[in-house]
Amino acid sequence: MFGFLRQGGAGGARVERMAAKDAIAKVAAGEMVLIDVREGMELRSSGKAQGALHVPLAMLRMKCDPSSPECLKEFKQGKPIGIYCASGARSSGAGQMLLKLGHASVFNLGSLYEWQAAGGKVVR
């Protein structure tokens, strides 16, 4: 049932870790799409990283699959994608799913806390 959490993505690609400070710079320069895969209640409680799109894990396939009519335009540009959640576990699984959907460059940033600790802004 949760095989997407264990298996490699397209062509054996893997979700790489990226330091939050590097992701902050890439997002600010418009070189990376940033996704928060936490649930709405979590965002209301703690805010989200500045520049992040909120795509809950349950909506990921629909909103990030380039072949889906519901795909957000940001995921049709071929930019690297950075993902975070509360601890880094959901973002790892989400990254595997994105690789299987055909996204070539996917990075797990870990948690919102790591983003903040590296100087990233949080908006509420």
N, C-alpha and C. Protein backbone atom coordinates (compact mmCIF):
# COMPACT_ATOMS: atom_id res chain seq x y z
N MET A 1 0.82 -1.20 0.00
CA MET A 1 0.00 0.00 0.00
C MET A 1 0.86 1.26 0.00
N PHE A 2 1.94 1.27 0.76
CA PHE A 2 2.80 2.44 0.81
C PHE A 2 4.13 2.18 0.11
N GLY A 3 4.09 1.43 -0.98
CA GLY A 3 5.29 1.09 -1.71
C GLY A 3 6.04 2.31 -2.23
N PHE A 4 5.32 3.41 -2.48
CA PHE A 4 6.00 4.60 -2.99
C PHE A 4 6.99 5.17 -1.97
N LEU A 5 6.85 4.79 -0.70
CA LEU A 5 7.78 5.27 0.32
C LEU A 5 9.11 4.53 0.29
N ARG A 6 9.14 3.33 -0.29
CA ARG A 6 10.33 2.49 -0.25
C ARG A 6 11.10 2.46 -1.56
N GLN A 7 10.44 2.59 -2.66
CA GLN A 7 11.06 2.33 -3.95
C GLN A 7 11.68 3.58 -4.55
N GLY A 8 12.69 3.36 -5.38
CA GLY A 8 13.31 4.46 -6.12
C GLY A 8 12.35 5.00 -7.14
N GLY A 9 12.63 6.16 -7.64
CA GLY A 9 11.76 6.78 -8.63
C GLY A 9 12.12 6.37 -10.03
N ALA A 10 11.79 7.19 -10.96
CA ALA A 10 12.02 6.92 -12.38
C ALA A 10 13.50 6.70 -12.63
N GLY A 11 13.82 5.60 -13.30
CA GLY A 11 15.21 5.33 -13.63
C GLY A 11 16.10 5.11 -12.44
N GLY A 12 15.54 4.74 -11.29
CA GLY A 12 16.34 4.51 -10.10
C GLY A 12 16.77 5.80 -9.42
N ALA A 13 16.24 6.95 -9.85
CA ALA A 13 16.59 8.23 -9.23
C ALA A 13 16.17 8.22 -7.76
N ARG A 14 16.87 8.99 -6.99
CA ARG A 14 16.57 9.07 -5.56
C ARG A 14 16.33 10.51 -5.15
N VAL A 15 15.56 10.66 -4.10
CA VAL A 15 15.34 11.97 -3.51
C VAL A 15 16.59 12.30 -2.70
N GLU A 16 17.22 13.40 -3.02
CA GLU A 16 18.42 13.84 -2.31
C GLU A 16 18.04 14.78 -1.18
N ARG A 17 18.88 14.86 -0.17
CA ARG A 17 18.70 15.86 0.88
C ARG A 17 19.36 17.14 0.41
N MET A 18 18.79 18.26 0.78
CA MET A 18 19.40 19.56 0.50
C MET A 18 19.34 20.37 1.79
N ALA A 19 20.44 21.03 2.10
CA ALA A 19 20.47 21.89 3.28
C ALA A 19 19.49 23.04 3.08
N ALA A 20 18.80 23.38 4.15
CA ALA A 20 17.80 24.44 4.09
C ALA A 20 18.41 25.76 3.61
N LYS A 21 19.62 26.08 4.03
CA LYS A 21 20.23 27.36 3.60
C LYS A 21 20.41 27.40 2.09
N ASP A 22 20.72 26.26 1.47
CA ASP A 22 20.85 26.22 0.01
C ASP A 22 19.48 26.38 -0.65
N ALA A 23 18.47 25.73 -0.07
CA ALA A 23 17.11 25.83 -0.62
C ALA A 23 16.58 27.25 -0.50
N ILE A 24 16.86 27.92 0.59
CA ILE A 24 16.40 29.30 0.79
C ILE A 24 16.91 30.17 -0.36
N ALA A 25 18.17 30.02 -0.71
CA ALA A 25 18.76 30.81 -1.79
C ALA A 25 18.12 30.47 -3.13
N LYS A 26 17.90 29.18 -3.40
CA LYS A 26 17.32 28.76 -4.67
C LYS A 26 15.88 29.24 -4.81
N VAL A 27 15.10 29.16 -3.74
CA VAL A 27 13.71 29.62 -3.78
C VAL A 27 13.68 31.13 -4.00
N ALA A 28 14.53 31.87 -3.30
CA ALA A 28 14.57 33.33 -3.43
C ALA A 28 14.95 33.74 -4.85
N ALA A 29 15.80 32.96 -5.50
CA ALA A 29 16.23 33.27 -6.87
C ALA A 29 15.26 32.77 -7.93
N GLY A 30 14.20 32.08 -7.49
CA GLY A 30 13.22 31.55 -8.43
C GLY A 30 13.70 30.31 -9.16
N GLU A 31 14.70 29.64 -8.59
CA GLU A 31 15.30 28.46 -9.22
C GLU A 31 14.72 27.14 -8.71
N MET A 32 13.82 27.19 -7.75
CA MET A 32 13.27 25.98 -7.17
C MET A 32 11.82 26.21 -6.76
N VAL A 33 11.00 25.18 -6.96
CA VAL A 33 9.62 25.19 -6.48
C VAL A 33 9.65 24.55 -5.09
N LEU A 34 9.04 25.20 -4.12
CA LEU A 34 9.02 24.72 -2.75
C LEU A 34 7.62 24.25 -2.38
N ILE A 35 7.54 23.04 -1.80
CA ILE A 35 6.24 22.47 -1.42
C ILE A 35 6.22 22.14 0.06
N ASP A 36 5.14 22.52 0.71
CA ASP A 36 4.85 22.11 2.09
C ASP A 36 3.78 21.03 1.98
N VAL A 37 4.08 19.79 2.40
CA VAL A 37 3.13 18.69 2.26
C VAL A 37 2.36 18.40 3.55
N ARG A 38 2.45 19.31 4.52
CA ARG A 38 1.71 19.10 5.78
C ARG A 38 0.22 19.38 5.58
N GLU A 39 -0.55 18.98 6.55
CA GLU A 39 -1.99 19.19 6.52
C GLU A 39 -2.31 20.65 6.87
N GLY A 40 -3.50 21.09 6.50
CA GLY A 40 -3.93 22.47 6.74
C GLY A 40 -3.87 22.89 8.19
N MET A 41 -4.22 22.00 9.10
CA MET A 41 -4.20 22.33 10.53
C MET A 41 -2.77 22.65 10.98
N GLU A 42 -1.81 21.94 10.42
CA GLU A 42 -0.41 22.19 10.77
C GLU A 42 0.03 23.57 10.29
N LEU A 43 -0.39 23.96 9.10
CA LEU A 43 -0.05 25.27 8.58
C LEU A 43 -0.68 26.38 9.42
N ARG A 44 -1.92 26.19 9.79
CA ARG A 44 -2.59 27.19 10.61
C ARG A 44 -1.90 27.35 11.96
N SER A 45 -1.32 26.29 12.46
CA SER A 45 -0.65 26.31 13.75
C SER A 45 0.73 26.96 13.69
N SER A 46 1.49 26.68 12.63
CA SER A 46 2.89 27.11 12.62
C SER A 46 3.28 27.98 11.43
N GLY A 47 2.38 28.19 10.47
CA GLY A 47 2.73 28.94 9.28
C GLY A 47 3.44 28.05 8.27
N LYS A 48 3.92 28.66 7.18
CA LYS A 48 4.65 27.91 6.15
C LYS A 48 5.83 28.73 5.68
N ALA A 49 6.77 28.07 5.06
CA ALA A 49 7.95 28.75 4.55
C ALA A 49 7.53 29.77 3.50
N GLN A 50 8.16 30.93 3.54
CA GLN A 50 7.87 31.97 2.55
C GLN A 50 8.18 31.42 1.16
N GLY A 51 7.21 31.55 0.27
CA GLY A 51 7.37 31.08 -1.10
C GLY A 51 6.91 29.65 -1.34
N ALA A 52 6.50 28.96 -0.28
CA ALA A 52 6.08 27.56 -0.43
C ALA A 52 4.65 27.46 -0.94
N LEU A 53 4.42 26.45 -1.75
CA LEU A 53 3.07 26.08 -2.17
C LEU A 53 2.58 25.04 -1.17
N HIS A 54 1.34 25.14 -0.75
CA HIS A 54 0.78 24.13 0.14
C HIS A 54 0.08 23.07 -0.71
N VAL A 55 0.68 21.88 -0.71
CA VAL A 55 0.10 20.74 -1.41
C VAL A 55 0.12 19.57 -0.44
N PRO A 56 -0.97 19.35 0.31
CA PRO A 56 -0.99 18.24 1.26
C PRO A 56 -0.66 16.92 0.57
N LEU A 57 -0.04 16.04 1.29
CA LEU A 57 0.40 14.76 0.73
C LEU A 57 -0.73 14.06 -0.02
N ALA A 58 -1.94 14.09 0.52
CA ALA A 58 -3.07 13.42 -0.12
C ALA A 58 -3.43 14.03 -1.48
N MET A 59 -3.01 15.26 -1.74
CA MET A 59 -3.34 15.95 -3.00
C MET A 59 -2.17 15.97 -3.98
N LEU A 60 -1.05 15.41 -3.57
CA LEU A 60 0.18 15.53 -4.35
C LEU A 60 0.05 15.01 -5.77
N ARG A 61 -0.48 13.81 -5.92
CA ARG A 61 -0.58 13.22 -7.26
C ARG A 61 -1.42 14.10 -8.19
N MET A 62 -2.54 14.58 -7.70
CA MET A 62 -3.43 15.38 -8.52
C MET A 62 -2.82 16.74 -8.87
N LYS A 63 -2.17 17.40 -7.92
CA LYS A 63 -1.68 18.76 -8.11
C LYS A 63 -0.29 18.85 -8.73
N CYS A 64 0.46 17.73 -8.72
CA CYS A 64 1.85 17.77 -9.19
C CYS A 64 2.13 16.88 -10.39
N ASP A 65 1.14 16.14 -10.85
CA ASP A 65 1.32 15.26 -12.01
C ASP A 65 1.10 16.08 -13.28
N PRO A 66 2.16 16.28 -14.08
CA PRO A 66 2.01 17.10 -15.28
C PRO A 66 0.91 16.60 -16.23
N SER A 67 0.53 15.33 -16.15
CA SER A 67 -0.52 14.82 -17.02
C SER A 67 -1.92 15.04 -16.45
N SER A 68 -2.01 15.53 -15.22
CA SER A 68 -3.30 15.77 -14.58
C SER A 68 -3.85 17.14 -15.00
N PRO A 69 -5.15 17.21 -15.28
CA PRO A 69 -5.74 18.51 -15.59
C PRO A 69 -5.72 19.46 -14.39
N GLU A 70 -5.53 18.93 -13.19
CA GLU A 70 -5.48 19.73 -11.97
C GLU A 70 -4.06 20.14 -11.59
N CYS A 71 -3.08 19.79 -12.41
CA CYS A 71 -1.67 20.09 -12.10
C CYS A 71 -1.45 21.60 -12.05
N LEU A 72 -0.77 22.04 -10.99
CA LEU A 72 -0.42 23.45 -10.85
C LEU A 72 0.64 23.82 -11.87
N LYS A 73 0.56 25.01 -12.40
CA LYS A 73 1.47 25.44 -13.47
C LYS A 73 2.94 25.39 -13.03
N GLU A 74 3.21 25.57 -11.75
CA GLU A 74 4.58 25.56 -11.25
C GLU A 74 5.28 24.23 -11.49
N PHE A 75 4.50 23.15 -11.61
CA PHE A 75 5.08 21.83 -11.78
C PHE A 75 5.21 21.43 -13.24
N LYS A 76 4.93 22.34 -14.12
CA LYS A 76 5.07 22.08 -15.55
C LYS A 76 6.29 22.80 -16.12
N GLN A 77 7.07 23.44 -15.27
CA GLN A 77 8.20 24.25 -15.71
C GLN A 77 9.53 23.49 -15.69
N GLY A 78 9.58 22.32 -15.08
CA GLY A 78 10.81 21.54 -15.04
C GLY A 78 11.83 22.01 -14.02
N LYS A 79 11.44 22.90 -13.12
CA LYS A 79 12.37 23.37 -12.09
C LYS A 79 12.57 22.28 -11.03
N PRO A 80 13.72 22.30 -10.35
CA PRO A 80 13.91 21.41 -9.20
C PRO A 80 12.81 21.69 -8.17
N ILE A 81 12.47 20.65 -7.42
CA ILE A 81 11.42 20.76 -6.41
C ILE A 81 12.01 20.45 -5.04
N GLY A 82 11.75 21.33 -4.09
CA GLY A 82 12.14 21.11 -2.70
C GLY A 82 10.88 20.84 -1.88
N ILE A 83 10.96 19.86 -0.99
CA ILE A 83 9.79 19.47 -0.20
C ILE A 83 10.16 19.45 1.28
N TYR A 84 9.23 19.91 2.11
CA TYR A 84 9.42 19.77 3.55
C TYR A 84 8.09 19.43 4.21
N CYS A 85 8.19 18.95 5.44
CA CYS A 85 7.00 18.66 6.24
C CYS A 85 7.33 19.01 7.70
N ALA A 86 6.80 18.26 8.64
CA ALA A 86 7.08 18.54 10.05
C ALA A 86 8.38 17.90 10.51
N SER A 87 8.72 16.73 9.96
CA SER A 87 9.92 16.02 10.43
C SER A 87 10.86 15.57 9.32
N GLY A 88 10.39 15.52 8.10
CA GLY A 88 11.18 15.03 6.97
C GLY A 88 10.72 13.68 6.46
N ALA A 89 9.86 12.99 7.19
CA ALA A 89 9.39 11.66 6.76
C ALA A 89 8.38 11.75 5.62
N ARG A 90 7.36 12.57 5.77
CA ARG A 90 6.37 12.71 4.69
C ARG A 90 6.99 13.31 3.45
N SER A 91 7.92 14.24 3.64
CA SER A 91 8.55 14.86 2.47
C SER A 91 9.41 13.86 1.71
N SER A 92 9.98 12.90 2.39
CA SER A 92 10.75 11.85 1.71
C SER A 92 9.83 11.00 0.84
N GLY A 93 8.72 10.57 1.38
CA GLY A 93 7.75 9.79 0.60
C GLY A 93 7.16 10.59 -0.54
N ALA A 94 6.89 11.87 -0.30
CA ALA A 94 6.36 12.74 -1.35
C ALA A 94 7.37 12.88 -2.48
N GLY A 95 8.63 12.97 -2.12
CA GLY A 95 9.68 13.07 -3.14
C GLY A 95 9.73 11.86 -4.03
N GLN A 96 9.58 10.68 -3.45
CA GLN A 96 9.56 9.45 -4.24
C GLN A 96 8.39 9.47 -5.23
N MET A 97 7.25 9.95 -4.76
CA MET A 97 6.09 10.02 -5.64
C MET A 97 6.34 10.98 -6.79
N LEU A 98 6.95 12.13 -6.50
CA LEU A 98 7.23 13.10 -7.55
C LEU A 98 8.19 12.54 -8.59
N LEU A 99 9.18 11.77 -8.16
CA LEU A 99 10.08 11.14 -9.11
C LEU A 99 9.31 10.19 -10.02
N LYS A 100 8.40 9.42 -9.45
CA LYS A 100 7.61 8.49 -10.25
C LYS A 100 6.68 9.21 -11.22
N LEU A 101 6.31 10.44 -10.89
CA LEU A 101 5.47 11.24 -11.78
C LEU A 101 6.28 11.89 -12.89
N GLY A 102 7.59 11.71 -12.86
CA GLY A 102 8.43 12.21 -13.93
C GLY A 102 9.26 13.44 -13.63
N HIS A 103 9.17 13.95 -12.42
CA HIS A 103 10.00 15.10 -12.05
C HIS A 103 11.43 14.62 -11.86
N ALA A 104 12.38 15.31 -12.46
CA ALA A 104 13.76 14.82 -12.52
C ALA A 104 14.61 15.22 -11.32
N SER A 105 14.33 16.33 -10.70
CA SER A 105 15.18 16.86 -9.65
C SER A 105 14.35 17.20 -8.42
N VAL A 106 14.40 16.31 -7.42
CA VAL A 106 13.55 16.43 -6.24
C VAL A 106 14.43 16.35 -4.99
N PHE A 107 14.22 17.29 -4.06
CA PHE A 107 15.04 17.37 -2.85
C PHE A 107 14.17 17.39 -1.60
N ASN A 108 14.58 16.63 -0.61
CA ASN A 108 13.92 16.62 0.69
C ASN A 108 14.67 17.63 1.56
N LEU A 109 13.97 18.66 2.00
CA LEU A 109 14.58 19.69 2.84
C LEU A 109 14.42 19.39 4.32
N GLY A 110 13.65 18.35 4.65
CA GLY A 110 13.45 18.00 6.05
C GLY A 110 12.21 18.67 6.60
N SER A 111 12.42 19.52 7.59
CA SER A 111 11.29 20.09 8.32
C SER A 111 11.23 21.62 8.22
N LEU A 112 10.07 22.15 8.58
CA LEU A 112 9.91 23.60 8.65
C LEU A 112 10.88 24.17 9.68
N TYR A 113 11.13 23.43 10.75
CA TYR A 113 12.08 23.89 11.77
C TYR A 113 13.46 24.11 11.15
N GLU A 114 13.91 23.20 10.28
CA GLU A 114 15.22 23.35 9.64
C GLU A 114 15.25 24.59 8.77
N TRP A 115 14.16 24.85 8.07
CA TRP A 115 14.04 26.07 7.25
C TRP A 115 14.23 27.30 8.12
N GLN A 116 13.50 27.36 9.24
CA GLN A 116 13.58 28.50 10.15
C GLN A 116 14.98 28.62 10.77
N ALA A 117 15.56 27.52 11.19
CA ALA A 117 16.89 27.52 11.81
C ALA A 117 17.96 28.05 10.86
N ALA A 118 17.75 27.87 9.56
CA ALA A 118 18.71 28.34 8.57
C ALA A 118 18.45 29.79 8.16
N GLY A 119 17.46 30.41 8.78
CA GLY A 119 17.17 31.82 8.49
C GLY A 119 16.03 32.05 7.52
N GLY A 120 15.34 30.97 7.14
CA GLY A 120 14.20 31.10 6.22
C GLY A 120 13.01 31.75 6.91
N LYS A 121 12.32 32.60 6.19
CA LYS A 121 11.15 33.27 6.75
C LYS A 121 9.93 32.35 6.71
N VAL A 122 9.07 32.54 7.70
CA VAL A 122 7.82 31.79 7.80
C VAL A 122 6.68 32.80 7.76
N VAL A 123 5.66 32.49 6.97
CA VAL A 123 4.49 33.37 6.88
C VAL A 123 3.28 32.63 7.44
N ARG A 124 2.38 33.42 8.00
CA ARG A 124 1.16 32.83 8.59
C ARG A 124 -0.05 33.33 7.86
